[in-house]
Amino acid sequence: MSENVFYAAFFFPAAAAVIVFFMKYVSEILQARVRLGQDEAYREIAAKAATAQAETAAALADIQSRLIAVEKILKDVG
């Protein structure tokens, strides 16, 4: 009977230590996956922002060219 108590005294703490390290390892994996997902979301937002900025610059250039044309027409009339 004392051998069983002796083995249990070593087995349970060792098992607890293994479980703790396993849980820590799984936690780190899950955190890495979440970070990867966030990074991908930030990249997508940055790509959308760059596209929107390019569209805005193109629209501004179009407006500027139209304004120049209107100014030219007004100079010719006046």
PDB file of N, CA and C in Angstrom:
ATOM      1  N   MET A   1       0.818  -1.191   0.000  1.00  0.00           N
ATOM      2  CA  MET A   1       0.000   0.000   0.000  1.00  0.00           C
ATOM      3  C   MET A   1       0.858   1.250   0.000  1.00  0.00           C
ATOM      4  N   SER A   2       1.974   1.237   0.706  1.00  0.00           N
ATOM      5  CA  SER A   2       2.803   2.422   0.773  1.00  0.00           C
ATOM      6  C   SER A   2       3.477   2.700  -0.569  1.00  0.00           C
ATOM      7  N   GLU A   3       3.678   1.643  -1.389  1.00  0.00           N
ATOM      8  CA  GLU A   3       4.243   1.857  -2.714  1.00  0.00           C
ATOM      9  C   GLU A   3       3.270   2.657  -3.579  1.00  0.00           C
ATOM     10  N   ASN A   4       1.969   2.369  -3.462  1.00  0.00           N
ATOM     11  CA  ASN A   4       0.973   3.107  -4.241  1.00  0.00           C
ATOM     12  C   ASN A   4       0.959   4.589  -3.846  1.00  0.00           C
ATOM     13  N   VAL A   5       1.074   4.854  -2.574  1.00  0.00           N
ATOM     14  CA  VAL A   5       1.114   6.244  -2.111  1.00  0.00           C
ATOM     15  C   VAL A   5       2.385   6.911  -2.621  1.00  0.00           C
ATOM     16  N   PHE A   6       3.477   6.192  -2.609  1.00  0.00           N
ATOM     17  CA  PHE A   6       4.750   6.719  -3.096  1.00  0.00           C
ATOM     18  C   PHE A   6       4.657   7.073  -4.581  1.00  0.00           C
ATOM     19  N   TYR A   7       4.111   6.143  -5.377  1.00  0.00           N
ATOM     20  CA  TYR A   7       3.955   6.403  -6.817  1.00  0.00           C
ATOM     21  C   TYR A   7       2.975   7.548  -7.076  1.00  0.00           C
ATOM     22  N   ALA A   8       1.905   7.597  -6.333  1.00  0.00           N
ATOM     23  CA  ALA A   8       0.915   8.661  -6.499  1.00  0.00           C
ATOM     24  C   ALA A   8       1.526  10.022  -6.142  1.00  0.00           C
ATOM     25  N   ALA A   9       2.399  10.036  -5.149  1.00  0.00           N
ATOM     26  CA  ALA A   9       3.026  11.284  -4.728  1.00  0.00           C
ATOM     27  C   ALA A   9       3.910  11.858  -5.841  1.00  0.00           C
ATOM     28  N   PHE A  10       4.453  10.996  -6.687  1.00  0.00           N
ATOM     29  CA  PHE A  10       5.255  11.475  -7.812  1.00  0.00           C
ATOM     30  C   PHE A  10       4.442  11.626  -9.094  1.00  0.00           C
ATOM     31  N   PHE A  11       3.458  10.764  -9.298  1.00  0.00           N
ATOM     32  CA  PHE A  11       2.689  10.778 -10.544  1.00  0.00           C
ATOM     33  C   PHE A  11       1.822  12.028 -10.666  1.00  0.00           C
ATOM     34  N   PHE A  12       1.051  12.350  -9.633  1.00  0.00           N
ATOM     35  CA  PHE A  12       0.107  13.462  -9.740  1.00  0.00           C
ATOM     36  C   PHE A  12       0.787  14.822  -9.936  1.00  0.00           C
ATOM     37  N   PRO A  13       1.827  15.145  -9.216  1.00  0.00           N
ATOM     38  CA  PRO A  13       2.509  16.416  -9.500  1.00  0.00           C
ATOM     39  C   PRO A  13       3.151  16.440 -10.900  1.00  0.00           C
ATOM     40  N   ALA A  14       3.700  15.294 -11.311  1.00  0.00           N
ATOM     41  CA  ALA A  14       4.301  15.238 -12.648  1.00  0.00           C
ATOM     42  C   ALA A  14       3.223  15.407 -13.714  1.00  0.00           C
ATOM     43  N   ALA A  15       2.079  14.758 -13.531  1.00  0.00           N
ATOM     44  CA  ALA A  15       0.971  14.886 -14.475  1.00  0.00           C
ATOM     45  C   ALA A  15       0.457  16.325 -14.492  1.00  0.00           C
ATOM     46  N   ALA A  16       0.376  16.947 -13.340  1.00  0.00           N
ATOM     47  CA  ALA A  16      -0.075  18.335 -13.271  1.00  0.00           C
ATOM     48  C   ALA A  16       0.892  19.249 -14.017  1.00  0.00           C
ATOM     49  N   ALA A  17       2.183  19.016 -13.856  1.00  0.00           N
ATOM     50  CA  ALA A  17       3.178  19.824 -14.546  1.00  0.00           C
ATOM     51  C   ALA A  17       3.053  19.653 -16.062  1.00  0.00           C
ATOM     52  N   VAL A  18       2.859  18.437 -16.528  1.00  0.00           N
ATOM     53  CA  VAL A  18       2.702  18.180 -17.958  1.00  0.00           C
ATOM     54  C   VAL A  18       1.451  18.883 -18.487  1.00  0.00           C
ATOM     55  N   ILE A  19       0.375  18.807 -17.740  1.00  0.00           N
ATOM     56  CA  ILE A  19      -0.878  19.444 -18.160  1.00  0.00           C
ATOM     57  C   ILE A  19      -0.705  20.963 -18.227  1.00  0.00           C
ATOM     58  N   VAL A  20      -0.025  21.530 -17.251  1.00  0.00           N
ATOM     59  CA  VAL A  20       0.195  22.985 -17.244  1.00  0.00           C
ATOM     60  C   VAL A  20       1.012  23.408 -18.456  1.00  0.00           C
ATOM     61  N   PHE A  21       2.103  22.705 -18.749  1.00  0.00           N
ATOM     62  CA  PHE A  21       2.923  23.053 -19.902  1.00  0.00           C
ATOM     63  C   PHE A  21       2.172  22.840 -21.215  1.00  0.00           C
ATOM     64  N   PHE A  22       1.355  21.800 -21.288  1.00  0.00           N
ATOM     65  CA  PHE A  22       0.546  21.556 -22.488  1.00  0.00           C
ATOM     66  C   PHE A  22      -0.455  22.684 -22.691  1.00  0.00           C
ATOM     67  N   MET A  23      -1.104  23.106 -21.601  1.00  0.00           N
ATOM     68  CA  MET A  23      -2.073  24.203 -21.716  1.00  0.00           C
ATOM     69  C   MET A  23      -1.376  25.502 -22.141  1.00  0.00           C
ATOM     70  N   LYS A  24      -0.181  25.735 -21.624  1.00  0.00           N
ATOM     71  CA  LYS A  24       0.573  26.933 -22.003  1.00  0.00           C
ATOM     72  C   LYS A  24       0.928  26.879 -23.485  1.00  0.00           C
ATOM     73  N   TYR A  25       1.337  25.727 -23.971  1.00  0.00           N
ATOM     74  CA  TYR A  25       1.687  25.541 -25.377  1.00  0.00           C
ATOM     75  C   TYR A  25       0.466  25.779 -26.264  1.00  0.00           C
ATOM     76  N   VAL A  26      -0.662  25.206 -25.904  1.00  0.00           N
ATOM     77  CA  VAL A  26      -1.895  25.394 -26.676  1.00  0.00           C
ATOM     78  C   VAL A  26      -2.307  26.865 -26.660  1.00  0.00           C
ATOM     79  N   SER A  27      -2.158  27.521 -25.521  1.00  0.00           N
ATOM     80  CA  SER A  27      -2.492  28.942 -25.413  1.00  0.00           C
ATOM     81  C   SER A  27      -1.628  29.777 -26.356  1.00  0.00           C
ATOM     82  N   GLU A  28      -0.354  29.496 -26.431  1.00  0.00           N
ATOM     83  CA  GLU A  28       0.529  30.238 -27.326  1.00  0.00           C
ATOM     84  C   GLU A  28       0.154  30.016 -28.782  1.00  0.00           C
ATOM     85  N   ILE A  29      -0.226  28.808 -29.133  1.00  0.00           N
ATOM     86  CA  ILE A  29      -0.655  28.520 -30.507  1.00  0.00           C
ATOM     87  C   ILE A  29      -1.914  29.319 -30.839  1.00  0.00           C
ATOM     88  N   LEU A  30      -2.875  29.322 -29.941  1.00  0.00           N
ATOM     89  CA  LEU A  30      -4.110  30.059 -30.179  1.00  0.00           C
ATOM     90  C   LEU A  30      -3.855  31.562 -30.284  1.00  0.00           C
ATOM     91  N   GLN A  31      -2.983  32.086 -29.445  1.00  0.00           N
ATOM     92  CA  GLN A  31      -2.649  33.513 -29.515  1.00  0.00           C
ATOM     93  C   GLN A  31      -1.971  33.849 -30.839  1.00  0.00           C
ATOM     94  N   ALA A  32      -1.111  32.965 -31.324  1.00  0.00           N
ATOM     95  CA  ALA A  32      -0.447  33.197 -32.612  1.00  0.00           C
ATOM     96  C   ALA A  32      -1.470  33.209 -33.744  1.00  0.00           C
ATOM     97  N   ARG A  33      -2.441  32.312 -33.685  1.00  0.00           N
ATOM     98  CA  ARG A  33      -3.481  32.292 -34.720  1.00  0.00           C
ATOM     99  C   ARG A  33      -4.304  33.576 -34.701  1.00  0.00           C
ATOM    100  N   VAL A  34      -4.614  34.064 -33.513  1.00  0.00           N
ATOM    101  CA  VAL A  34      -5.389  35.306 -33.405  1.00  0.00           C
ATOM    102  C   VAL A  34      -4.579  36.469 -33.957  1.00  0.00           C
ATOM    103  N   ARG A  35      -3.296  36.532 -33.614  1.00  0.00           N
ATOM    104  CA  ARG A  35      -2.438  37.604 -34.134  1.00  0.00           C
ATOM    105  C   ARG A  35      -2.352  37.555 -35.655  1.00  0.00           C
ATOM    106  N   LEU A  36      -2.261  36.346 -36.205  1.00  0.00           N
ATOM    107  CA  LEU A  36      -2.200  36.199 -37.661  1.00  0.00           C
ATOM    108  C   LEU A  36      -3.483  36.713 -38.293  1.00  0.00           C
ATOM    109  N   GLY A  37      -4.614  36.396 -37.695  1.00  0.00           N
ATOM    110  CA  GLY A  37      -5.896  36.889 -38.203  1.00  0.00           C
ATOM    111  C   GLY A  37      -5.991  38.397 -38.135  1.00  0.00           C
ATOM    112  N   GLN A  38      -5.505  38.971 -37.063  1.00  0.00           N
ATOM    113  CA  GLN A  38      -5.516  40.430 -36.929  1.00  0.00           C
ATOM    114  C   GLN A  38      -4.595  41.074 -37.962  1.00  0.00           C
ATOM    115  N   ASP A  39      -3.432  40.477 -38.177  1.00  0.00           N
ATOM    116  CA  ASP A  39      -2.501  41.021 -39.167  1.00  0.00           C
ATOM    117  C   ASP A  39      -3.124  41.000 -40.556  1.00  0.00           C
ATOM    118  N   GLU A  40      -3.814  39.904 -40.883  1.00  0.00           N
ATOM    119  CA  GLU A  40      -4.473  39.818 -42.185  1.00  0.00           C
ATOM    120  C   GLU A  40      -5.576  40.868 -42.303  1.00  0.00           C
ATOM    121  N   ALA A  41      -6.302  41.095 -41.229  1.00  0.00           N
ATOM    122  CA  ALA A  41      -7.361  42.114 -41.251  1.00  0.00           C
ATOM    123  C   ALA A  41      -6.760  43.501 -41.441  1.00  0.00           C
ATOM    124  N   TYR A  42      -5.635  43.784 -40.775  1.00  0.00           N
ATOM    125  CA  TYR A  42      -4.980  45.082 -40.938  1.00  0.00           C
ATOM    126  C   TYR A  42      -4.468  45.259 -42.373  1.00  0.00           C
ATOM    127  N   ARG A  43      -3.935  44.179 -42.955  1.00  0.00           N
ATOM    128  CA  ARG A  43      -3.472  44.263 -44.344  1.00  0.00           C
ATOM    129  C   ARG A  43      -4.630  44.564 -45.284  1.00  0.00           C
ATOM    130  N   GLU A  44      -5.762  43.932 -45.038  1.00  0.00           N
ATOM    131  CA  GLU A  44      -6.941  44.163 -45.873  1.00  0.00           C
ATOM    132  C   GLU A  44      -7.421  45.610 -45.740  1.00  0.00           C
ATOM    133  N   ILE A  45      -7.441  46.110 -44.519  1.00  0.00           N
ATOM    134  CA  ILE A  45      -7.848  47.507 -44.303  1.00  0.00           C
ATOM    135  C   ILE A  45      -6.871  48.460 -44.988  1.00  0.00           C
ATOM    136  N   ALA A  46      -5.586  48.173 -44.890  1.00  0.00           N
ATOM    137  CA  ALA A  46      -4.577  49.028 -45.532  1.00  0.00           C
ATOM    138  C   ALA A  46      -4.722  48.997 -47.047  1.00  0.00           C
ATOM    139  N   ALA A  47      -5.011  47.837 -47.609  1.00  0.00           N
ATOM    140  CA  ALA A  47      -5.205  47.746 -49.058  1.00  0.00           C
ATOM    141  C   ALA A  47      -6.435  48.544 -49.489  1.00  0.00           C
ATOM    142  N   LYS A  48      -7.512  48.440 -48.710  1.00  0.00           N
ATOM    143  CA  LYS A  48      -8.716  49.212 -49.030  1.00  0.00           C
ATOM    144  C   LYS A  48      -8.450  50.708 -48.927  1.00  0.00           C
ATOM    145  N   ALA A  49      -7.683  51.115 -47.919  1.00  0.00           N
ATOM    146  CA  ALA A  49      -7.358  52.530 -47.754  1.00  0.00           C
ATOM    147  C   ALA A  49      -6.512  53.033 -48.920  1.00  0.00           C
ATOM    148  N   ALA A  50      -5.557  52.228 -49.360  1.00  0.00           N
ATOM    149  CA  ALA A  50      -4.718  52.626 -50.490  1.00  0.00           C
ATOM    150  C   ALA A  50      -5.554  52.748 -51.759  1.00  0.00           C
ATOM    151  N   THR A  51      -6.478  51.821 -51.954  1.00  0.00           N
ATOM    152  CA  THR A  51      -7.361  51.886 -53.120  1.00  0.00           C
ATOM    153  C   THR A  51      -8.235  53.132 -53.064  1.00  0.00           C
ATOM    154  N   ALA A  52      -8.806  53.397 -51.907  1.00  0.00           N
ATOM    155  CA  ALA A  52      -9.655  54.580 -51.747  1.00  0.00           C
ATOM    156  C   ALA A  52      -8.853  55.852 -51.981  1.00  0.00           C
ATOM    157  N   GLN A  53      -7.621  55.893 -51.507  1.00  0.00           N
ATOM    158  CA  GLN A  53      -6.774  57.075 -51.700  1.00  0.00           C
ATOM    159  C   GLN A  53      -6.458  57.271 -53.181  1.00  0.00           C
ATOM    160  N   ALA A  54      -6.196  56.176 -53.890  1.00  0.00           N
ATOM    161  CA  ALA A  54      -5.918  56.288 -55.325  1.00  0.00           C
ATOM    162  C   ALA A  54      -7.155  56.780 -56.070  1.00  0.00           C
ATOM    163  N   GLU A  55      -8.321  56.271 -55.696  1.00  0.00           N
ATOM    164  CA  GLU A  55      -9.562  56.717 -56.337  1.00  0.00           C
ATOM    165  C   GLU A  55      -9.821  58.198 -56.044  1.00  0.00           C
ATOM    166  N   THR A  56      -9.558  58.609 -54.846  1.00  0.00           N
ATOM    167  CA  THR A  56      -9.740  60.013 -54.477  1.00  0.00           C
ATOM    168  C   THR A  56      -8.785  60.910 -55.262  1.00  0.00           C
ATOM    169  N   ALA A  57      -7.548  60.479 -55.400  1.00  0.00           N
ATOM    170  CA  ALA A  57      -6.573  61.264 -56.166  1.00  0.00           C
ATOM    171  C   ALA A  57      -6.998  61.361 -57.628  1.00  0.00           C
ATOM    172  N   ALA A  58      -7.520  60.264 -58.184  1.00  0.00           N
ATOM    173  CA  ALA A  58      -7.982  60.292 -59.574  1.00  0.00           C
ATOM    174  C   ALA A  58      -9.188  61.220 -59.715  1.00  0.00           C
ATOM    175  N   ALA A  59     -10.100  61.163 -58.770  1.00  0.00           N
ATOM    176  CA  ALA A  59     -11.270  62.047 -58.821  1.00  0.00           C
ATOM    177  C   ALA A  59     -10.846  63.500 -58.690  1.00  0.00           C
ATOM    178  N   LEU A  60      -9.895  63.775 -57.832  1.00  0.00           N
ATOM    179  CA  LEU A  60      -9.404  65.143 -57.658  1.00  0.00           C
ATOM    180  C   LEU A  60      -8.736  65.648 -58.929  1.00  0.00           C
ATOM    181  N   ALA A  61      -7.965  64.803 -59.570  1.00  0.00           N
ATOM    182  CA  ALA A  61      -7.323  65.194 -60.830  1.00  0.00           C
ATOM    183  C   ALA A  61      -8.380  65.479 -61.894  1.00  0.00           C
ATOM    184  N   ASP A  62      -9.430  64.668 -61.932  1.00  0.00           N
ATOM    185  CA  ASP A  62     -10.520  64.888 -62.888  1.00  0.00           C
ATOM    186  C   ASP A  62     -11.219  66.217 -62.612  1.00  0.00           C
ATOM    187  N   ILE A  63     -11.497  66.485 -61.353  1.00  0.00           N
ATOM    188  CA  ILE A  63     -12.143  67.758 -60.979  1.00  0.00           C
ATOM    189  C   ILE A  63     -11.253  68.938 -61.339  1.00  0.00           C
ATOM    190  N   GLN A  64      -9.960  68.800 -61.103  1.00  0.00           N
ATOM    191  CA  GLN A  64      -9.030  69.877 -61.412  1.00  0.00           C
ATOM    192  C   GLN A  64      -8.980  70.139 -62.918  1.00  0.00           C
ATOM    193  N   SER A  65      -8.974  69.072 -63.710  1.00  0.00           N
ATOM    194  CA  SER A  65      -8.942  69.276 -65.167  1.00  0.00           C
ATOM    195  C   SER A  65     -10.245  69.917 -65.648  1.00  0.00           C
ATOM    196  N   ARG A  66     -11.357  69.559 -65.062  1.00  0.00           N
ATOM    197  CA  ARG A  66     -12.628  70.186 -65.426  1.00  0.00           C
ATOM    198  C   ARG A  66     -12.633  71.664 -65.023  1.00  0.00           C
ATOM    199  N   LEU A  67     -12.096  71.966 -63.866  1.00  0.00           N
ATOM    200  CA  LEU A  67     -12.034  73.348 -63.405  1.00  0.00           C
ATOM    201  C   LEU A  67     -11.174  74.188 -64.345  1.00  0.00           C
ATOM    202  N   ILE A  68     -10.068  73.628 -64.799  1.00  0.00           N
ATOM    203  CA  ILE A  68      -9.202  74.339 -65.747  1.00  0.00           C
ATOM    204  C   ILE A  68      -9.967  74.610 -67.045  1.00  0.00           C
ATOM    205  N   ALA A  69     -10.737  73.612 -67.496  1.00  0.00           N
ATOM    206  CA  ALA A  69     -11.522  73.793 -68.720  1.00  0.00           C
ATOM    207  C   ALA A  69     -12.575  74.884 -68.537  1.00  0.00           C
ATOM    208  N   VAL A  70     -13.230  74.911 -67.385  1.00  0.00           N
ATOM    209  CA  VAL A  70     -14.248  75.931 -67.116  1.00  0.00           C
ATOM    210  C   VAL A  70     -13.597  77.302 -67.047  1.00  0.00           C
ATOM    211  N   GLU A  71     -12.437  77.413 -66.413  1.00  0.00           N
ATOM    212  CA  GLU A  71     -11.730  78.694 -66.335  1.00  0.00           C
ATOM    213  C   GLU A  71     -11.344  79.183 -67.727  1.00  0.00           C
ATOM    214  N   LYS A  72     -10.937  78.257 -68.571  1.00  0.00           N
ATOM    215  CA  LYS A  72     -10.552  78.635 -69.941  1.00  0.00           C
ATOM    216  C   LYS A  72     -11.763  79.152 -70.702  1.00  0.00           C
ATOM    217  N   ILE A  73     -12.885  78.470 -70.531  1.00  0.00           N
ATOM    218  CA  ILE A  73     -14.120  78.916 -71.195  1.00  0.00           C
ATOM    219  C   ILE A  73     -14.522  80.300 -70.682  1.00  0.00           C
ATOM    220  N   LEU A  74     -14.428  80.507 -69.389  1.00  0.00           N
ATOM    221  CA  LEU A  74     -14.793  81.812 -68.814  1.00  0.00           C
ATOM    222  C   LEU A  74     -13.855  82.923 -69.296  1.00  0.00           C
ATOM    223  N   LYS A  75     -12.566  82.612 -69.467  1.00  0.00           N
ATOM    224  CA  LYS A  75     -11.620  83.615 -69.976  1.00  0.00           C
ATOM    225  C   LYS A  75     -11.941  83.943 -71.421  1.00  0.00           C
ATOM    226  N   ASP A  76     -12.292  82.930 -72.200  1.00  0.00           N
ATOM    227  CA  ASP A  76     -12.619  83.158 -73.599  1.00  0.00           C
ATOM    228  C   ASP A  76     -13.886  83.992 -73.735  1.00  0.00           C
ATOM    229  N   VAL A  77     -14.871  83.786 -72.867  1.00  0.00           N
ATOM    230  CA  VAL A  77     -16.133  84.527 -72.931  1.00  0.00           C
ATOM    231  C   VAL A  77     -15.920  85.949 -72.440  1.00  0.00           C
ATOM    232  N   GLY A  78     -15.144  86.093 -71.373  1.00  0.00           N
ATOM    233  CA  GLY A  78     -14.988  87.402 -70.734  1.00  0.00           C
ATOM    234  C   GLY A  78     -13.997  88.213 -71.395  1.00  0.00           C
TER     235      GLY A  78
END
